[in-house]
Amino acid sequence: MMKKAVLGSTLMIVLLLAASCTSIKVVSDYDKDVDFSDYETYNFKIPEEVQESYPALVNPINQKRIEKAIAEEMELRGYEKSDDPDLWISYYVKVQDKVDYRTTHYNPSIYGPYYYGWYYGYSPGWTSVEAIQYREGTLVIDLVDAEKNQLVWYGLGSGTLNDNADKIKERIEYAVHVIFNQYPFMAGKSGEITAE
């Protein structure tokens, strides 16, 4: 009982911390007809079509980081890893090059000559448009009913990629936390997690 209370408290802290992030946009949904209390175990399985579509976007090092972060989130919710799981977890990463435009309007005051002397006034100003190129990464996580081979929940998080290698591990862990903030179930229990 004590273990479940600590687990619940820890989970709520993680959910609150993840909820405070605004740099990653998250979308999720789940099958409302599914009884999530039927699920207590999980494992990873990347479908061949996902591997073929996104072959090199997750290198082995980052793959381990993603799976470790997901495993921590699942175990935080009471799920256990199993060779014969109730849920298969698959994931993939998509990277897109994007352009954002920053517009700056200048309208400075000016002094100028006038027939009866100098005057103080305003110019019509001008506008500067700057194109900013960046890369957006999207991490998609799917939970699939292993027996029915049916998607029961998915979550995706999108954010600007940072090329700083030192920040990749931290960014992956945080992205997974934020995505799983949208997964409101505990292993073997009916109903959504609610803050008390």
N, C-alpha and C. Protein backbone atom coordinates (compact mmCIF):
# COMPACT_ATOMS: atom_id res chain seq x y z
N MET A 1 0.84 -1.20 0.00
CA MET A 1 0.00 0.00 0.00
C MET A 1 0.88 1.26 0.00
N MET A 2 1.95 1.21 0.84
CA MET A 2 2.87 2.34 0.93
C MET A 2 3.56 2.56 -0.41
N LYS A 3 3.94 1.43 -1.07
CA LYS A 3 4.63 1.51 -2.35
C LYS A 3 3.74 2.19 -3.39
N LYS A 4 2.44 1.85 -3.39
CA LYS A 4 1.50 2.44 -4.35
C LYS A 4 1.31 3.93 -4.07
N ALA A 5 1.30 4.31 -2.78
CA ALA A 5 1.15 5.73 -2.43
C ALA A 5 2.35 6.53 -2.90
N VAL A 6 3.56 5.98 -2.69
CA VAL A 6 4.78 6.65 -3.14
C VAL A 6 4.79 6.74 -4.66
N LEU A 7 4.40 5.64 -5.31
CA LEU A 7 4.34 5.61 -6.78
C LEU A 7 3.38 6.67 -7.29
N GLY A 8 2.21 6.76 -6.66
CA GLY A 8 1.22 7.75 -7.08
C GLY A 8 1.72 9.17 -6.88
N SER A 9 2.38 9.43 -5.74
CA SER A 9 2.91 10.77 -5.47
C SER A 9 4.00 11.14 -6.46
N THR A 10 4.91 10.19 -6.73
CA THR A 10 5.99 10.44 -7.68
C THR A 10 5.42 10.73 -9.06
N LEU A 11 4.41 9.95 -9.45
CA LEU A 11 3.80 10.13 -10.76
C LEU A 11 3.17 11.51 -10.88
N MET A 12 2.48 11.96 -9.85
CA MET A 12 1.84 13.28 -9.91
C MET A 12 2.88 14.39 -10.00
N ILE A 13 4.03 14.22 -9.34
CA ILE A 13 5.10 15.23 -9.44
C ILE A 13 5.61 15.31 -10.86
N VAL A 14 5.83 14.13 -11.47
CA VAL A 14 6.31 14.11 -12.86
C VAL A 14 5.28 14.75 -13.79
N LEU A 15 4.00 14.45 -13.58
CA LEU A 15 2.96 15.01 -14.43
C LEU A 15 2.92 16.52 -14.30
N LEU A 16 3.06 17.02 -13.08
CA LEU A 16 3.03 18.47 -12.88
C LEU A 16 4.24 19.16 -13.51
N LEU A 17 5.42 18.54 -13.38
CA LEU A 17 6.62 19.10 -13.99
C LEU A 17 6.50 19.10 -15.51
N ALA A 18 5.99 18.00 -16.04
CA ALA A 18 5.85 17.91 -17.50
C ALA A 18 4.83 18.91 -18.02
N ALA A 19 3.80 19.15 -17.24
CA ALA A 19 2.74 20.06 -17.68
C ALA A 19 3.24 21.49 -17.81
N SER A 20 4.33 21.81 -17.11
CA SER A 20 4.83 23.17 -17.14
C SER A 20 5.62 23.50 -18.40
N CYS A 21 5.89 22.48 -19.23
CA CYS A 21 6.68 22.71 -20.44
C CYS A 21 5.82 23.31 -21.55
N THR A 22 6.31 24.38 -22.16
CA THR A 22 5.57 24.98 -23.27
C THR A 22 6.34 24.86 -24.58
N SER A 23 7.59 24.34 -24.54
CA SER A 23 8.40 24.29 -25.75
C SER A 23 8.12 23.06 -26.60
N ILE A 24 7.37 22.11 -26.08
CA ILE A 24 7.01 20.91 -26.83
C ILE A 24 5.50 20.85 -26.95
N LYS A 25 5.01 20.80 -28.19
CA LYS A 25 3.56 20.70 -28.43
C LYS A 25 3.18 19.23 -28.42
N VAL A 26 2.15 18.89 -27.65
CA VAL A 26 1.76 17.49 -27.49
C VAL A 26 0.32 17.27 -27.96
N VAL A 27 0.13 16.15 -28.64
CA VAL A 27 -1.20 15.71 -29.06
C VAL A 27 -1.32 14.24 -28.68
N SER A 28 -2.48 13.84 -28.17
CA SER A 28 -2.67 12.42 -27.84
C SER A 28 -4.15 12.06 -27.95
N ASP A 29 -4.40 10.77 -28.00
CA ASP A 29 -5.79 10.29 -28.02
C ASP A 29 -5.78 8.82 -27.63
N TYR A 30 -6.92 8.33 -27.18
CA TYR A 30 -7.01 6.91 -26.86
C TYR A 30 -8.41 6.39 -27.18
N ASP A 31 -8.51 5.08 -27.30
CA ASP A 31 -9.78 4.42 -27.63
C ASP A 31 -10.65 4.39 -26.38
N LYS A 32 -11.74 5.14 -26.41
CA LYS A 32 -12.61 5.26 -25.23
C LYS A 32 -13.38 3.96 -24.92
N ASP A 33 -13.39 3.03 -25.87
CA ASP A 33 -14.11 1.76 -25.66
C ASP A 33 -13.22 0.69 -25.03
N VAL A 34 -11.96 1.00 -24.80
CA VAL A 34 -11.02 0.02 -24.26
C VAL A 34 -10.95 0.12 -22.74
N ASP A 35 -10.93 -1.04 -22.08
CA ASP A 35 -10.75 -1.09 -20.63
C ASP A 35 -9.25 -1.22 -20.34
N PHE A 36 -8.64 -0.14 -19.94
CA PHE A 36 -7.19 -0.13 -19.72
C PHE A 36 -6.77 -0.92 -18.49
N SER A 37 -7.72 -1.34 -17.68
CA SER A 37 -7.37 -2.16 -16.52
C SER A 37 -6.92 -3.56 -16.95
N ASP A 38 -7.15 -3.92 -18.22
CA ASP A 38 -6.71 -5.22 -18.73
C ASP A 38 -5.21 -5.26 -18.98
N TYR A 39 -4.55 -4.11 -18.94
CA TYR A 39 -3.14 -4.05 -19.31
C TYR A 39 -2.25 -3.90 -18.08
N GLU A 40 -1.28 -4.81 -17.98
CA GLU A 40 -0.34 -4.76 -16.85
C GLU A 40 1.11 -4.91 -17.29
N THR A 41 1.34 -5.36 -18.52
CA THR A 41 2.71 -5.60 -18.99
C THR A 41 2.92 -4.94 -20.35
N TYR A 42 4.18 -4.75 -20.71
CA TYR A 42 4.52 -4.08 -21.98
C TYR A 42 5.84 -4.60 -22.51
N ASN A 43 6.10 -4.32 -23.77
CA ASN A 43 7.41 -4.51 -24.36
C ASN A 43 7.48 -3.68 -25.63
N PHE A 44 8.64 -3.61 -26.25
CA PHE A 44 8.83 -2.78 -27.44
C PHE A 44 8.80 -3.62 -28.71
N LYS A 45 8.17 -3.05 -29.71
CA LYS A 45 8.11 -3.70 -31.02
C LYS A 45 7.95 -2.60 -32.07
N ILE A 46 8.94 -2.48 -32.94
CA ILE A 46 8.89 -1.46 -33.98
C ILE A 46 8.44 -2.15 -35.27
N PRO A 47 7.26 -1.83 -35.79
CA PRO A 47 6.78 -2.47 -37.02
C PRO A 47 7.74 -2.23 -38.18
N GLU A 48 7.78 -3.20 -39.10
CA GLU A 48 8.70 -3.10 -40.24
C GLU A 48 8.42 -1.87 -41.09
N GLU A 49 7.13 -1.52 -41.25
CA GLU A 49 6.82 -0.37 -42.09
C GLU A 49 7.36 0.93 -41.49
N VAL A 50 7.43 0.99 -40.16
CA VAL A 50 8.01 2.17 -39.51
C VAL A 50 9.51 2.19 -39.71
N GLN A 51 10.16 1.03 -39.56
CA GLN A 51 11.60 0.95 -39.76
C GLN A 51 11.98 1.33 -41.19
N GLU A 52 11.17 0.90 -42.14
CA GLU A 52 11.46 1.19 -43.55
C GLU A 52 11.23 2.66 -43.88
N SER A 53 10.21 3.27 -43.28
CA SER A 53 9.89 4.67 -43.57
C SER A 53 10.86 5.63 -42.92
N TYR A 54 11.34 5.28 -41.74
CA TYR A 54 12.23 6.16 -40.99
C TYR A 54 13.49 5.38 -40.57
N PRO A 55 14.32 4.94 -41.55
CA PRO A 55 15.38 3.99 -41.23
C PRO A 55 16.51 4.54 -40.37
N ALA A 56 16.89 5.79 -40.55
CA ALA A 56 18.11 6.28 -39.88
C ALA A 56 17.85 7.43 -38.93
N LEU A 57 16.60 7.71 -38.62
CA LEU A 57 16.30 8.88 -37.80
C LEU A 57 16.53 8.62 -36.32
N VAL A 58 16.51 7.37 -35.92
CA VAL A 58 16.80 7.05 -34.53
C VAL A 58 18.03 6.16 -34.52
N ASN A 59 19.17 6.72 -34.15
CA ASN A 59 20.38 5.90 -34.11
C ASN A 59 20.34 5.02 -32.85
N PRO A 60 21.18 3.98 -32.80
CA PRO A 60 21.12 3.04 -31.67
C PRO A 60 21.26 3.69 -30.29
N ILE A 61 22.07 4.75 -30.20
CA ILE A 61 22.25 5.41 -28.90
C ILE A 61 20.97 6.10 -28.47
N ASN A 62 20.37 6.86 -29.38
CA ASN A 62 19.12 7.56 -29.03
C ASN A 62 17.96 6.59 -28.89
N GLN A 63 18.00 5.49 -29.62
CA GLN A 63 16.97 4.46 -29.46
C GLN A 63 16.97 3.93 -28.03
N LYS A 64 18.15 3.66 -27.50
CA LYS A 64 18.26 3.19 -26.11
C LYS A 64 17.74 4.26 -25.15
N ARG A 65 18.04 5.53 -25.44
CA ARG A 65 17.58 6.61 -24.57
C ARG A 65 16.05 6.71 -24.59
N ILE A 66 15.47 6.62 -25.78
CA ILE A 66 14.01 6.70 -25.89
C ILE A 66 13.35 5.55 -25.15
N GLU A 67 13.86 4.33 -25.37
CA GLU A 67 13.26 3.16 -24.74
C GLU A 67 13.42 3.20 -23.22
N LYS A 68 14.57 3.68 -22.76
CA LYS A 68 14.78 3.79 -21.30
C LYS A 68 13.79 4.79 -20.70
N ALA A 69 13.61 5.93 -21.37
CA ALA A 69 12.68 6.95 -20.86
C ALA A 69 11.24 6.44 -20.87
N ILE A 70 10.85 5.74 -21.93
CA ILE A 70 9.50 5.18 -22.00
C ILE A 70 9.31 4.12 -20.92
N ALA A 71 10.32 3.25 -20.75
CA ALA A 71 10.23 2.20 -19.72
C ALA A 71 10.05 2.80 -18.33
N GLU A 72 10.77 3.88 -18.06
CA GLU A 72 10.63 4.54 -16.75
C GLU A 72 9.22 5.07 -16.55
N GLU A 73 8.64 5.65 -17.61
CA GLU A 73 7.27 6.16 -17.51
C GLU A 73 6.27 5.03 -17.30
N MET A 74 6.44 3.92 -18.02
CA MET A 74 5.53 2.79 -17.87
C MET A 74 5.65 2.17 -16.48
N GLU A 75 6.87 2.01 -16.01
CA GLU A 75 7.07 1.40 -14.69
C GLU A 75 6.60 2.33 -13.58
N LEU A 76 6.69 3.62 -13.81
CA LEU A 76 6.16 4.59 -12.86
C LEU A 76 4.65 4.40 -12.69
N ARG A 77 4.02 3.92 -13.74
CA ARG A 77 2.57 3.68 -13.72
C ARG A 77 2.23 2.24 -13.35
N GLY A 78 3.23 1.47 -12.94
CA GLY A 78 2.98 0.12 -12.44
C GLY A 78 3.08 -0.98 -13.47
N TYR A 79 3.44 -0.68 -14.71
CA TYR A 79 3.56 -1.71 -15.73
C TYR A 79 4.89 -2.44 -15.59
N GLU A 80 4.89 -3.72 -15.99
CA GLU A 80 6.11 -4.52 -15.95
C GLU A 80 6.46 -4.97 -17.36
N LYS A 81 7.75 -5.02 -17.64
CA LYS A 81 8.20 -5.48 -18.95
C LYS A 81 8.08 -7.00 -19.02
N SER A 82 7.63 -7.51 -20.17
CA SER A 82 7.38 -8.94 -20.30
C SER A 82 7.65 -9.38 -21.74
N ASP A 83 8.06 -10.65 -21.88
CA ASP A 83 8.25 -11.20 -23.22
C ASP A 83 6.92 -11.53 -23.87
N ASP A 84 5.88 -11.63 -23.07
CA ASP A 84 4.53 -11.89 -23.59
C ASP A 84 3.61 -10.77 -23.07
N PRO A 85 3.76 -9.55 -23.63
CA PRO A 85 3.12 -8.37 -23.03
C PRO A 85 1.65 -8.19 -23.40
N ASP A 86 0.97 -7.41 -22.58
CA ASP A 86 -0.40 -6.98 -22.91
C ASP A 86 -0.36 -5.85 -23.92
N LEU A 87 0.69 -5.03 -23.86
CA LEU A 87 0.83 -3.88 -24.74
C LEU A 87 2.17 -3.91 -25.47
N TRP A 88 2.12 -3.72 -26.78
CA TRP A 88 3.33 -3.45 -27.54
C TRP A 88 3.50 -1.94 -27.63
N ILE A 89 4.72 -1.48 -27.46
CA ILE A 89 5.00 -0.05 -27.62
C ILE A 89 5.90 0.13 -28.84
N SER A 90 5.45 0.96 -29.75
CA SER A 90 6.31 1.31 -30.89
C SER A 90 6.45 2.82 -30.92
N TYR A 91 7.49 3.29 -31.59
CA TYR A 91 7.73 4.73 -31.65
C TYR A 91 8.54 5.03 -32.90
N TYR A 92 8.49 6.25 -33.35
CA TYR A 92 9.35 6.69 -34.43
C TYR A 92 9.54 8.19 -34.32
N VAL A 93 10.58 8.66 -34.99
CA VAL A 93 10.91 10.07 -34.99
C VAL A 93 10.85 10.59 -36.42
N LYS A 94 10.25 11.76 -36.58
CA LYS A 94 10.20 12.41 -37.89
C LYS A 94 10.86 13.78 -37.76
N VAL A 95 11.70 14.13 -38.71
CA VAL A 95 12.39 15.42 -38.69
C VAL A 95 12.02 16.20 -39.95
N GLN A 96 11.64 17.47 -39.77
CA GLN A 96 11.28 18.33 -40.89
C GLN A 96 12.05 19.64 -40.81
N ASP A 97 12.53 20.09 -41.98
CA ASP A 97 13.14 21.42 -42.07
C ASP A 97 12.03 22.44 -42.23
N LYS A 98 12.05 23.50 -41.42
CA LYS A 98 10.99 24.50 -41.47
C LYS A 98 11.59 25.90 -41.53
N VAL A 99 10.74 26.84 -41.94
CA VAL A 99 11.15 28.24 -42.01
C VAL A 99 10.12 29.07 -41.27
N ASP A 100 10.60 29.96 -40.40
CA ASP A 100 9.73 30.90 -39.70
C ASP A 100 10.16 32.31 -40.13
N TYR A 101 9.20 33.21 -40.16
CA TYR A 101 9.51 34.57 -40.60
C TYR A 101 9.31 35.55 -39.44
N ARG A 102 10.34 36.34 -39.19
CA ARG A 102 10.28 37.33 -38.12
C ARG A 102 10.19 38.72 -38.77
N THR A 103 9.12 39.43 -38.44
CA THR A 103 8.89 40.75 -39.02
C THR A 103 9.16 41.82 -37.97
N THR A 104 9.96 42.82 -38.35
CA THR A 104 10.25 43.94 -37.46
C THR A 104 9.91 45.23 -38.19
N HIS A 105 9.11 46.07 -37.55
CA HIS A 105 8.71 47.34 -38.16
C HIS A 105 9.47 48.48 -37.49
N TYR A 106 10.09 49.32 -38.30
CA TYR A 106 10.85 50.46 -37.80
C TYR A 106 10.08 51.74 -38.12
N ASN A 107 9.91 52.60 -37.12
CA ASN A 107 9.19 53.86 -37.32
C ASN A 107 9.85 54.94 -36.45
N PRO A 108 11.08 55.30 -36.79
CA PRO A 108 11.81 56.24 -35.92
C PRO A 108 11.34 57.68 -36.09
N SER A 109 11.57 58.47 -35.07
CA SER A 109 11.29 59.90 -35.19
C SER A 109 12.41 60.56 -35.99
N ILE A 110 12.10 61.63 -36.66
CA ILE A 110 13.11 62.32 -37.47
C ILE A 110 13.01 63.83 -37.29
N TYR A 111 14.12 64.49 -37.57
CA TYR A 111 14.14 65.96 -37.70
C TYR A 111 14.38 66.26 -39.17
N GLY A 112 13.77 67.33 -39.68
CA GLY A 112 14.00 67.64 -41.08
C GLY A 112 13.82 69.11 -41.37
N PRO A 113 14.34 69.58 -42.50
CA PRO A 113 14.20 71.00 -42.87
C PRO A 113 12.78 71.32 -43.30
N TYR A 114 12.34 72.48 -42.97
CA TYR A 114 11.01 72.94 -43.39
C TYR A 114 11.16 74.40 -43.81
N TYR A 115 10.21 74.95 -44.53
CA TYR A 115 10.32 76.30 -45.09
C TYR A 115 10.56 77.35 -44.00
N TYR A 116 9.86 77.18 -42.86
CA TYR A 116 10.00 78.16 -41.77
C TYR A 116 10.98 77.71 -40.70
N GLY A 117 11.75 76.64 -40.97
CA GLY A 117 12.71 76.16 -39.98
C GLY A 117 12.65 74.63 -39.87
N TRP A 118 13.41 74.12 -38.94
CA TRP A 118 13.43 72.67 -38.74
C TRP A 118 12.18 72.20 -38.01
N TYR A 119 11.79 70.94 -38.30
CA TYR A 119 10.61 70.38 -37.63
C TYR A 119 10.95 69.01 -37.07
N TYR A 120 10.12 68.59 -36.12
CA TYR A 120 10.23 67.26 -35.53
C TYR A 120 9.01 66.47 -35.96
N GLY A 121 9.21 65.25 -36.47
CA GLY A 121 8.06 64.47 -36.92
C GLY A 121 8.39 62.99 -36.99
N TYR A 122 7.62 62.25 -37.76
CA TYR A 122 7.80 60.81 -37.89
C TYR A 122 7.90 60.43 -39.35
N SER A 123 8.77 59.47 -39.65
CA SER A 123 8.84 58.94 -41.00
C SER A 123 7.79 57.85 -41.15
N PRO A 124 7.45 57.47 -42.35
CA PRO A 124 6.51 56.36 -42.52
C PRO A 124 7.10 55.03 -42.06
N GLY A 125 8.41 54.99 -41.90
CA GLY A 125 9.05 53.77 -41.40
C GLY A 125 9.24 52.73 -42.49
N TRP A 126 9.74 51.58 -42.08
CA TRP A 126 9.92 50.46 -43.02
C TRP A 126 9.85 49.16 -42.23
N THR A 127 9.68 48.08 -42.96
CA THR A 127 9.53 46.76 -42.34
C THR A 127 10.63 45.84 -42.82
N SER A 128 11.22 45.12 -41.89
CA SER A 128 12.26 44.14 -42.21
C SER A 128 11.71 42.75 -41.95
N VAL A 129 11.89 41.83 -42.90
CA VAL A 129 11.45 40.44 -42.75
C VAL A 129 12.67 39.54 -42.78
N GLU A 130 12.82 38.73 -41.74
CA GLU A 130 13.96 37.82 -41.65
C GLU A 130 13.47 36.38 -41.66
N ALA A 131 14.03 35.55 -42.53
CA ALA A 131 13.68 34.13 -42.59
C ALA A 131 14.60 33.35 -41.65
N ILE A 132 13.98 32.57 -40.76
CA ILE A 132 14.74 31.78 -39.79
C ILE A 132 14.50 30.31 -40.07
N GLN A 133 15.54 29.60 -40.43
CA GLN A 133 15.42 28.17 -40.73
C GLN A 133 15.70 27.37 -39.45
N TYR A 134 14.91 26.30 -39.25
CA TYR A 134 15.12 25.44 -38.10
C TYR A 134 14.62 24.05 -38.42
N ARG A 135 14.96 23.11 -37.56
CA ARG A 135 14.51 21.72 -37.74
C ARG A 135 13.55 21.37 -36.61
N GLU A 136 12.42 20.80 -36.99
CA GLU A 136 11.42 20.37 -36.00
C GLU A 136 11.41 18.85 -35.95
N GLY A 137 11.52 18.33 -34.75
CA GLY A 137 11.47 16.88 -34.56
C GLY A 137 10.15 16.49 -33.91
N THR A 138 9.59 15.37 -34.36
CA THR A 138 8.36 14.85 -33.79
C THR A 138 8.59 13.41 -33.34
N LEU A 139 8.32 13.16 -32.07
CA LEU A 139 8.40 11.81 -31.52
C LEU A 139 6.98 11.28 -31.37
N VAL A 140 6.71 10.13 -32.00
CA VAL A 140 5.39 9.50 -31.94
C VAL A 140 5.51 8.20 -31.16
N ILE A 141 4.64 8.01 -30.17
CA ILE A 141 4.63 6.79 -29.36
C ILE A 141 3.26 6.15 -29.46
N ASP A 142 3.23 4.89 -29.85
CA ASP A 142 1.98 4.13 -29.98
C ASP A 142 1.94 2.99 -28.97
N LEU A 143 0.78 2.80 -28.33
CA LEU A 143 0.54 1.64 -27.48
C LEU A 143 -0.50 0.78 -28.18
N VAL A 144 -0.15 -0.49 -28.41
CA VAL A 144 -0.99 -1.39 -29.20
C VAL A 144 -1.38 -2.60 -28.35
N ASP A 145 -2.67 -2.92 -28.36
CA ASP A 145 -3.16 -4.13 -27.69
C ASP A 145 -2.50 -5.33 -28.38
N ALA A 146 -1.69 -6.09 -27.63
CA ALA A 146 -0.91 -7.17 -28.22
C ALA A 146 -1.79 -8.31 -28.74
N GLU A 147 -2.87 -8.58 -28.05
CA GLU A 147 -3.74 -9.69 -28.45
C GLU A 147 -4.55 -9.34 -29.69
N LYS A 148 -5.09 -8.12 -29.73
CA LYS A 148 -5.95 -7.71 -30.85
C LYS A 148 -5.19 -6.99 -31.97
N ASN A 149 -3.91 -6.68 -31.72
CA ASN A 149 -3.11 -5.89 -32.66
C ASN A 149 -3.84 -4.60 -33.03
N GLN A 150 -4.31 -3.90 -31.99
CA GLN A 150 -5.15 -2.71 -32.17
C GLN A 150 -4.55 -1.54 -31.40
N LEU A 151 -4.41 -0.40 -32.08
CA LEU A 151 -3.91 0.81 -31.42
C LEU A 151 -4.90 1.25 -30.35
N VAL A 152 -4.41 1.45 -29.11
CA VAL A 152 -5.31 1.87 -28.03
C VAL A 152 -4.97 3.28 -27.52
N TRP A 153 -3.73 3.72 -27.73
CA TRP A 153 -3.33 5.07 -27.32
C TRP A 153 -2.16 5.52 -28.16
N TYR A 154 -2.13 6.80 -28.47
CA TYR A 154 -0.93 7.36 -29.10
C TYR A 154 -0.68 8.74 -28.54
N GLY A 155 0.59 9.11 -28.54
CA GLY A 155 0.97 10.46 -28.13
C GLY A 155 2.11 10.92 -29.02
N LEU A 156 2.09 12.19 -29.33
CA LEU A 156 3.20 12.73 -30.12
C LEU A 156 3.59 14.10 -29.57
N GLY A 157 4.87 14.37 -29.63
CA GLY A 157 5.39 15.65 -29.18
C GLY A 157 6.28 16.24 -30.25
N SER A 158 6.10 17.53 -30.53
CA SER A 158 6.89 18.22 -31.55
C SER A 158 7.59 19.41 -30.94
N GLY A 159 8.83 19.61 -31.33
CA GLY A 159 9.59 20.76 -30.84
C GLY A 159 10.80 21.01 -31.69
N THR A 160 11.40 22.16 -31.52
CA THR A 160 12.60 22.53 -32.26
C THR A 160 13.77 21.69 -31.79
N LEU A 161 14.52 21.16 -32.75
CA LEU A 161 15.66 20.32 -32.42
C LEU A 161 16.87 21.18 -32.07
N ASN A 162 17.58 20.72 -31.07
CA ASN A 162 18.83 21.38 -30.67
C ASN A 162 19.98 20.49 -31.11
N ASP A 163 20.90 21.03 -31.90
CA ASP A 163 22.03 20.24 -32.40
C ASP A 163 23.12 20.01 -31.36
N ASN A 164 22.95 20.58 -30.19
CA ASN A 164 23.93 20.40 -29.13
C ASN A 164 23.84 18.96 -28.59
N ALA A 165 24.88 18.17 -28.86
CA ALA A 165 24.87 16.75 -28.47
C ALA A 165 24.71 16.56 -26.97
N ASP A 166 25.21 17.52 -26.18
CA ASP A 166 25.12 17.40 -24.72
C ASP A 166 23.68 17.51 -24.22
N LYS A 167 22.80 18.11 -25.05
CA LYS A 167 21.42 18.32 -24.63
C LYS A 167 20.46 17.25 -25.15
N ILE A 168 20.95 16.36 -26.02
CA ILE A 168 20.05 15.39 -26.66
C ILE A 168 19.40 14.46 -25.65
N LYS A 169 20.21 13.88 -24.75
CA LYS A 169 19.67 12.95 -23.74
C LYS A 169 18.60 13.64 -22.89
N GLU A 170 18.92 14.83 -22.42
CA GLU A 170 17.98 15.60 -21.59
C GLU A 170 16.70 15.92 -22.37
N ARG A 171 16.86 16.28 -23.64
CA ARG A 171 15.70 16.63 -24.47
C ARG A 171 14.80 15.42 -24.71
N ILE A 172 15.42 14.26 -24.96
CA ILE A 172 14.64 13.04 -25.18
C ILE A 172 13.85 12.68 -23.93
N GLU A 173 14.51 12.69 -22.79
CA GLU A 173 13.84 12.34 -21.53
C GLU A 173 12.67 13.29 -21.27
N TYR A 174 12.91 14.57 -21.51
CA TYR A 174 11.86 15.55 -21.24
C TYR A 174 10.68 15.39 -22.21
N ALA A 175 11.00 15.13 -23.48
CA ALA A 175 9.94 14.93 -24.48
C ALA A 175 9.07 13.74 -24.12
N VAL A 176 9.69 12.65 -23.70
CA VAL A 176 8.93 11.45 -23.31
C VAL A 176 8.06 11.74 -22.09
N HIS A 177 8.60 12.48 -21.11
CA HIS A 177 7.82 12.86 -19.93
C HIS A 177 6.58 13.66 -20.33
N VAL A 178 6.79 14.63 -21.20
CA VAL A 178 5.68 15.50 -21.60
C VAL A 178 4.62 14.72 -22.36
N ILE A 179 5.05 13.83 -23.23
CA ILE A 179 4.09 13.01 -23.99
C ILE A 179 3.29 12.12 -23.04
N PHE A 180 3.98 11.46 -22.12
CA PHE A 180 3.29 10.55 -21.20
C PHE A 180 2.45 11.30 -20.16
N ASN A 181 2.63 12.59 -20.06
CA ASN A 181 1.72 13.38 -19.24
C ASN A 181 0.29 13.25 -19.74
N GLN A 182 0.14 12.88 -21.01
CA GLN A 182 -1.18 12.72 -21.62
C GLN A 182 -1.71 11.29 -21.50
N TYR A 183 -0.94 10.40 -20.87
CA TYR A 183 -1.40 9.01 -20.69
C TYR A 183 -1.92 8.85 -19.26
N PRO A 184 -3.24 8.84 -19.08
CA PRO A 184 -3.79 8.97 -17.72
C PRO A 184 -4.20 7.65 -17.05
N PHE A 185 -3.45 6.56 -17.29
CA PHE A 185 -3.85 5.27 -16.73
C PHE A 185 -2.74 4.64 -15.91
N MET A 186 -3.15 3.82 -14.95
CA MET A 186 -2.23 3.01 -14.16
C MET A 186 -2.45 1.55 -14.53
N ALA A 187 -1.41 0.74 -14.39
CA ALA A 187 -1.48 -0.68 -14.73
C ALA A 187 -2.57 -1.38 -13.91
N GLY A 188 -3.42 -2.12 -14.61
CA GLY A 188 -4.43 -2.94 -13.93
C GLY A 188 -5.54 -2.17 -13.26
N LYS A 189 -5.66 -0.87 -13.55
CA LYS A 189 -6.69 -0.06 -12.88
C LYS A 189 -7.61 0.61 -13.91
N SER A 190 -8.88 0.68 -13.57
CA SER A 190 -9.85 1.37 -14.43
C SER A 190 -9.85 2.85 -14.09
N GLY A 191 -10.24 3.64 -15.06
CA GLY A 191 -10.38 5.08 -14.83
C GLY A 191 -9.07 5.82 -14.99
N GLU A 192 -9.20 7.13 -15.19
CA GLU A 192 -8.05 7.97 -15.42
C GLU A 192 -7.44 8.42 -14.10
N ILE A 193 -6.16 8.74 -14.15
CA ILE A 193 -5.47 9.30 -12.98
C ILE A 193 -6.00 10.70 -12.73
N THR A 194 -6.34 10.98 -11.50
CA THR A 194 -6.78 12.33 -11.15
C THR A 194 -5.99 12.83 -9.96
N ALA A 195 -5.71 14.12 -9.95
CA ALA A 195 -5.00 14.72 -8.81
C ALA A 195 -5.96 14.81 -7.64
N GLU A 196 -5.49 14.40 -6.45
CA GLU A 196 -6.35 14.45 -5.26
C GLU A 196 -6.19 15.76 -4.53
